[in-house]
Amino acid sequence: MELLIFQTDIKSKNKVKSIGPLLNNHSNILKWTIDLEDIDNVLRIEANKNLLEEEVIELVKVQGFSIKALPD
């Protein structure tokens, strides 16, 4: 298992709900959370080793959100 951490501009529960199905239905994502209390609105993803940071970034950007990887 791998932990991927990203800074996003997903700042509300409605925005979290809008991206939820995309993340929930991805075969390599085991679990995910977005911390709306954090200034960086951190997206944490527990994933299979097969999931690349670039893949997550592209998925989120296509939905119109800003995202960048944070160091571990």
N, C-alpha and C. Protein backbone atom coordinates (compact mmCIF):
# COMPACT_ATOMS: atom_id res chain seq x y z
N MET A 1 0.84 -1.18 0.00
CA MET A 1 0.00 0.00 0.00
C MET A 1 0.89 1.24 0.00
N GLU A 2 0.36 2.29 -0.61
CA GLU A 2 1.09 3.54 -0.73
C GLU A 2 0.20 4.69 -0.27
N LEU A 3 0.80 5.71 0.35
CA LEU A 3 0.07 6.90 0.76
C LEU A 3 0.50 8.06 -0.11
N LEU A 4 -0.48 8.67 -0.80
CA LEU A 4 -0.22 9.84 -1.64
C LEU A 4 -0.89 11.04 -0.99
N ILE A 5 -0.17 12.17 -0.95
CA ILE A 5 -0.68 13.36 -0.27
C ILE A 5 -0.60 14.55 -1.23
N PHE A 6 -1.72 15.30 -1.31
CA PHE A 6 -1.81 16.41 -2.25
C PHE A 6 -2.40 17.65 -1.59
N GLN A 7 -1.98 18.82 -2.06
CA GLN A 7 -2.62 20.08 -1.71
C GLN A 7 -3.67 20.35 -2.78
N THR A 8 -4.88 20.75 -2.37
CA THR A 8 -5.95 21.00 -3.35
C THR A 8 -6.66 22.32 -3.04
N ASP A 9 -7.58 22.68 -3.93
CA ASP A 9 -8.46 23.82 -3.67
C ASP A 9 -9.90 23.33 -3.47
N ILE A 10 -10.04 22.10 -3.01
CA ILE A 10 -11.36 21.53 -2.71
C ILE A 10 -11.72 21.98 -1.30
N LYS A 11 -12.59 23.00 -1.20
CA LYS A 11 -12.79 23.70 0.07
C LYS A 11 -14.16 23.55 0.71
N SER A 12 -15.02 22.71 0.14
CA SER A 12 -16.36 22.57 0.73
C SER A 12 -16.83 21.13 0.62
N LYS A 13 -17.83 20.81 1.44
CA LYS A 13 -18.39 19.46 1.41
C LYS A 13 -19.01 19.15 0.05
N ASN A 14 -19.62 20.15 -0.58
CA ASN A 14 -20.21 19.92 -1.90
C ASN A 14 -19.15 19.58 -2.94
N LYS A 15 -18.00 20.24 -2.85
CA LYS A 15 -16.91 19.93 -3.78
C LYS A 15 -16.36 18.54 -3.52
N VAL A 16 -16.29 18.17 -2.24
CA VAL A 16 -15.84 16.81 -1.90
C VAL A 16 -16.81 15.79 -2.50
N LYS A 17 -18.10 16.05 -2.36
CA LYS A 17 -19.11 15.14 -2.92
C LYS A 17 -19.00 15.05 -4.43
N SER A 18 -18.65 16.15 -5.09
CA SER A 18 -18.58 16.15 -6.55
C SER A 18 -17.43 15.29 -7.06
N ILE A 19 -16.36 15.21 -6.29
CA ILE A 19 -15.21 14.41 -6.73
C ILE A 19 -15.25 12.99 -6.16
N GLY A 20 -16.09 12.76 -5.18
CA GLY A 20 -16.19 11.46 -4.52
C GLY A 20 -16.37 10.27 -5.45
N PRO A 21 -17.36 10.31 -6.34
CA PRO A 21 -17.56 9.15 -7.22
C PRO A 21 -16.33 8.80 -8.06
N LEU A 22 -15.63 9.81 -8.50
CA LEU A 22 -14.43 9.60 -9.31
C LEU A 22 -13.37 8.83 -8.52
N LEU A 23 -13.16 9.24 -7.28
CA LEU A 23 -12.15 8.59 -6.44
C LEU A 23 -12.64 7.24 -5.92
N ASN A 24 -13.92 7.16 -5.58
CA ASN A 24 -14.48 5.90 -5.06
C ASN A 24 -14.45 4.79 -6.09
N ASN A 25 -14.61 5.14 -7.35
CA ASN A 25 -14.71 4.12 -8.41
C ASN A 25 -13.37 3.78 -9.05
N HIS A 26 -12.30 4.41 -8.61
CA HIS A 26 -10.98 4.12 -9.18
C HIS A 26 -10.47 2.82 -8.56
N SER A 27 -10.07 1.89 -9.41
CA SER A 27 -9.70 0.55 -8.94
C SER A 27 -8.45 0.52 -8.06
N ASN A 28 -7.56 1.49 -8.18
CA ASN A 28 -6.33 1.48 -7.39
C ASN A 28 -6.42 2.29 -6.10
N ILE A 29 -7.52 3.01 -5.89
CA ILE A 29 -7.69 3.80 -4.68
C ILE A 29 -8.45 2.99 -3.65
N LEU A 30 -7.81 2.76 -2.50
CA LEU A 30 -8.41 1.96 -1.44
C LEU A 30 -9.24 2.83 -0.50
N LYS A 31 -8.70 4.01 -0.16
CA LYS A 31 -9.35 4.92 0.79
C LYS A 31 -8.84 6.32 0.52
N TRP A 32 -9.70 7.32 0.73
CA TRP A 32 -9.26 8.71 0.53
C TRP A 32 -10.00 9.63 1.49
N THR A 33 -9.37 10.75 1.82
CA THR A 33 -9.98 11.79 2.64
C THR A 33 -9.50 13.15 2.16
N ILE A 34 -10.33 14.17 2.39
CA ILE A 34 -9.93 15.55 2.16
C ILE A 34 -10.14 16.29 3.47
N ASP A 35 -9.09 16.91 3.97
CA ASP A 35 -9.14 17.63 5.23
C ASP A 35 -9.55 19.08 4.96
N LEU A 36 -10.83 19.37 5.15
CA LEU A 36 -11.35 20.71 4.90
C LEU A 36 -10.92 21.71 5.97
N GLU A 37 -10.42 21.23 7.10
CA GLU A 37 -9.95 22.10 8.18
C GLU A 37 -8.51 22.57 7.94
N ASP A 38 -7.78 21.85 7.11
CA ASP A 38 -6.39 22.19 6.83
C ASP A 38 -6.32 23.32 5.81
N ILE A 39 -5.38 24.23 5.98
CA ILE A 39 -5.26 25.37 5.06
C ILE A 39 -4.97 24.92 3.63
N ASP A 40 -4.33 23.76 3.47
CA ASP A 40 -4.01 23.23 2.14
C ASP A 40 -5.08 22.28 1.60
N ASN A 41 -6.18 22.10 2.34
CA ASN A 41 -7.24 21.17 1.92
C ASN A 41 -6.63 19.87 1.41
N VAL A 42 -5.92 19.21 2.30
CA VAL A 42 -5.10 18.06 1.94
C VAL A 42 -5.95 16.85 1.55
N LEU A 43 -5.63 16.30 0.38
CA LEU A 43 -6.21 15.05 -0.10
C LEU A 43 -5.21 13.95 0.20
N ARG A 44 -5.63 12.97 1.00
CA ARG A 44 -4.80 11.81 1.31
C ARG A 44 -5.42 10.59 0.67
N ILE A 45 -4.60 9.84 -0.04
CA ILE A 45 -5.09 8.65 -0.73
C ILE A 45 -4.24 7.45 -0.32
N GLU A 46 -4.94 6.41 0.16
CA GLU A 46 -4.30 5.11 0.35
C GLU A 46 -4.58 4.33 -0.92
N ALA A 47 -3.50 3.85 -1.55
CA ALA A 47 -3.66 3.25 -2.87
C ALA A 47 -2.77 2.03 -3.04
N ASN A 48 -3.09 1.27 -4.08
CA ASN A 48 -2.21 0.19 -4.50
C ASN A 48 -0.92 0.81 -5.03
N LYS A 49 0.12 0.04 -5.11
CA LYS A 49 1.40 0.52 -5.64
C LYS A 49 1.29 0.97 -7.09
N ASN A 50 0.24 0.54 -7.79
CA ASN A 50 0.10 0.84 -9.21
C ASN A 50 -0.34 2.27 -9.49
N LEU A 51 -0.80 3.01 -8.50
CA LEU A 51 -1.32 4.35 -8.72
C LEU A 51 -0.19 5.38 -8.69
N LEU A 52 -0.12 6.19 -9.73
CA LEU A 52 0.90 7.22 -9.84
C LEU A 52 0.34 8.58 -9.42
N GLU A 53 1.19 9.42 -8.82
CA GLU A 53 0.77 10.77 -8.46
C GLU A 53 0.22 11.52 -9.66
N GLU A 54 0.87 11.36 -10.81
CA GLU A 54 0.45 12.06 -12.03
C GLU A 54 -0.97 11.67 -12.44
N GLU A 55 -1.32 10.43 -12.21
CA GLU A 55 -2.67 9.93 -12.56
C GLU A 55 -3.72 10.63 -11.69
N VAL A 56 -3.46 10.75 -10.40
CA VAL A 56 -4.38 11.42 -9.49
C VAL A 56 -4.50 12.90 -9.86
N ILE A 57 -3.36 13.54 -10.12
CA ILE A 57 -3.36 14.96 -10.49
C ILE A 57 -4.22 15.18 -11.72
N GLU A 58 -4.08 14.34 -12.72
CA GLU A 58 -4.87 14.49 -13.95
C GLU A 58 -6.36 14.28 -13.69
N LEU A 59 -6.70 13.27 -12.88
CA LEU A 59 -8.10 13.00 -12.55
C LEU A 59 -8.76 14.21 -11.88
N VAL A 60 -8.05 14.81 -10.93
CA VAL A 60 -8.61 15.94 -10.18
C VAL A 60 -8.66 17.20 -11.04
N LYS A 61 -7.63 17.43 -11.84
CA LYS A 61 -7.60 18.62 -12.71
C LYS A 61 -8.73 18.59 -13.74
N VAL A 62 -9.04 17.42 -14.26
CA VAL A 62 -10.12 17.28 -15.24
C VAL A 62 -11.45 17.72 -14.64
N GLN A 63 -11.59 17.59 -13.33
CA GLN A 63 -12.81 18.01 -12.64
C GLN A 63 -12.80 19.51 -12.32
N GLY A 64 -11.73 20.22 -12.71
CA GLY A 64 -11.67 21.66 -12.54
C GLY A 64 -11.03 22.14 -11.24
N PHE A 65 -10.38 21.24 -10.52
CA PHE A 65 -9.74 21.60 -9.26
C PHE A 65 -8.24 21.75 -9.43
N SER A 66 -7.65 22.55 -8.56
CA SER A 66 -6.20 22.70 -8.51
C SER A 66 -5.65 21.64 -7.54
N ILE A 67 -4.52 21.04 -7.92
CA ILE A 67 -3.93 20.00 -7.09
C ILE A 67 -2.43 19.94 -7.35
N LYS A 68 -1.67 19.71 -6.27
CA LYS A 68 -0.24 19.45 -6.44
C LYS A 68 0.22 18.50 -5.34
N ALA A 69 1.19 17.69 -5.67
CA ALA A 69 1.71 16.70 -4.73
C ALA A 69 2.48 17.39 -3.62
N LEU A 70 2.33 16.88 -2.41
CA LEU A 70 3.11 17.33 -1.26
C LEU A 70 4.12 16.26 -0.91
N PRO A 71 5.28 16.68 -0.42
CA PRO A 71 6.27 15.68 -0.02
C PRO A 71 5.77 14.85 1.16
N ASP A 72 6.22 13.62 1.23
CA ASP A 72 5.81 12.72 2.33
C ASP A 72 6.23 13.25 3.67
